[in-house]
Structure formats: structure tokens, C-alpha cells
Amino acid sequence: MSHPDALRWDDRYTREAERYTLRGPRHLVTSHLDQLPRGGLVLDAACGTTSTGRYLAARGWRVIAVDVSIAALRLASLKACTERSRSVQ
């Protein structure tokens, strides 16, 4: 049985998928990229659809993304696949 928080977030990500997948990376991270070691490993905790994690991965960082919501992680995976296929074309 899923945790109540997971169920609540799954419901939100399912109902409002577009809202969450259109978000950009967090300014706090993008404004301090020079503080992160290039090619380093980043933990994106409570990542949601991991817009920040995808942003960093596209620029060479290795990212581990975790979230309580399976729905959010599925959206993140779909978004990452879409972005990868666009960059290959």
C-alpha cells in the first residue's frame, strides 16, 4: 500500500501533468553552476518531474533523481526521453 503523501502527489501530477512538465530548472541551481564540479554526481531529492536534474544532465552532470510520486517520475522519464530524441535529430 502506498504512503498517503505518495497518493496525494500522484494525483496532483496526474491531474496537472502539463503544469509540472513545463517548469524550468530552479534559478538557485542555475545561478550557481560554477560551484558544482563539472561532470559530478548530483542528487535531485523530491525532484518531481526533475526539470533541474534534466537541465544538469544535458550539461554533463550525472543525476540521481528521487521522489515519492511514481507519477512524477514517469513524467520525468517521458520528458527526458523526448528531450534526448530532440537533441539527436
Protein backbone atom coordinates (compact mmCIF):
# COMPACT_ATOMS: atom_id res chain seq x y z
CA MET A 1 0.00 0.00 0.00
CA SER A 2 1.29 3.45 -0.95
CA HIS A 3 2.01 6.17 1.56
CA PRO A 4 -0.73 8.87 1.75
CA ASP A 5 1.76 11.53 0.59
CA ALA A 6 2.62 9.45 -2.47
CA LEU A 7 -1.05 9.06 -3.34
CA ARG A 8 -1.67 12.80 -2.96
CA TRP A 9 1.29 13.74 -5.16
CA ASP A 10 0.47 11.05 -7.72
CA ASP A 11 -3.00 12.56 -8.01
CA ARG A 12 -1.61 16.07 -8.49
CA TYR A 13 0.91 15.01 -11.13
CA THR A 14 -1.74 13.01 -12.95
CA ARG A 15 -4.29 15.86 -12.96
CA GLU A 16 -1.83 18.68 -13.67
CA ALA A 17 0.86 16.97 -15.76
CA GLU A 18 1.38 19.84 -18.20
CA ARG A 19 1.83 22.37 -15.41
CA TYR A 20 4.68 20.38 -13.92
CA THR A 21 6.42 19.30 -17.13
CA LEU A 22 6.64 22.87 -18.43
CA ARG A 23 8.63 24.11 -15.45
CA GLY A 24 12.21 25.18 -15.97
CA PRO A 25 15.18 24.45 -13.75
CA ARG A 26 15.49 26.13 -10.35
CA HIS A 27 17.20 29.52 -10.52
CA LEU A 28 19.07 28.78 -7.31
CA VAL A 29 20.90 25.97 -9.08
CA THR A 30 21.36 27.58 -12.49
CA SER A 31 22.80 30.73 -10.95
CA HIS A 32 25.45 28.73 -9.08
CA LEU A 33 26.62 26.25 -11.70
CA ASP A 34 30.19 27.40 -11.21
CA GLN A 35 30.02 25.96 -7.67
CA LEU A 36 29.32 22.42 -8.93
CA PRO A 37 32.21 20.23 -10.03
CA ARG A 38 31.89 19.57 -13.78
CA GLY A 39 30.70 16.05 -14.51
CA GLY A 40 29.95 15.47 -10.84
CA LEU A 41 27.12 13.46 -9.34
CA VAL A 42 24.00 15.40 -8.30
CA LEU A 43 21.18 14.16 -6.08
CA ASP A 44 17.86 15.72 -7.05
CA ALA A 45 15.75 14.86 -3.98
CA ALA A 46 11.99 15.47 -4.09
CA CYS A 47 12.62 16.03 -7.78
CA GLY A 48 9.08 15.96 -9.11
CA THR A 49 9.49 15.94 -12.89
CA THR A 50 13.18 16.81 -12.33
CA SER A 51 13.42 19.86 -14.56
CA THR A 52 16.58 20.85 -12.71
CA GLY A 53 18.01 17.34 -12.97
CA ARG A 54 17.32 17.20 -16.71
CA TYR A 55 18.92 20.62 -17.14
CA LEU A 56 22.06 19.47 -15.34
CA ALA A 57 22.21 16.11 -17.14
CA ALA A 58 22.02 17.87 -20.51
CA ARG A 59 25.12 19.82 -19.46
CA GLY A 60 27.21 16.85 -18.38
CA TRP A 61 26.35 16.20 -14.76
CA ARG A 62 25.27 12.73 -13.63
CA VAL A 63 21.93 12.93 -11.82
CA ILE A 64 20.13 10.66 -9.39
CA ALA A 65 16.50 11.79 -9.15
CA VAL A 66 14.20 10.56 -6.35
CA ASP A 67 10.63 11.40 -5.50
CA VAL A 68 7.77 9.89 -3.50
CA SER A 69 5.50 10.14 -6.56
CA ILE A 70 5.69 7.40 -9.16
CA ALA A 71 3.53 9.57 -11.45
CA ALA A 72 6.10 12.38 -11.27
CA LEU A 73 8.96 10.01 -12.03
CA ARG A 74 7.08 8.62 -15.04
CA LEU A 75 6.53 12.16 -16.35
CA ALA A 76 10.21 12.92 -15.77
CA SER A 77 11.24 9.82 -17.69
CA LEU A 78 8.95 10.64 -20.62
CA LYS A 79 10.18 14.24 -20.70
CA ALA A 80 13.84 13.12 -20.61
CA CYS A 81 13.26 10.68 -23.50
CA THR A 82 11.57 13.40 -25.54
CA GLU A 83 14.41 15.84 -24.88
CA ARG A 84 17.04 13.25 -25.77
CA SER A 85 15.33 12.37 -29.05
CA ARG A 86 15.15 16.08 -29.98
CA SER A 87 18.85 16.57 -29.30
CA VAL A 88 19.77 13.61 -31.53
CA GLN A 89 17.77 14.88 -34.52
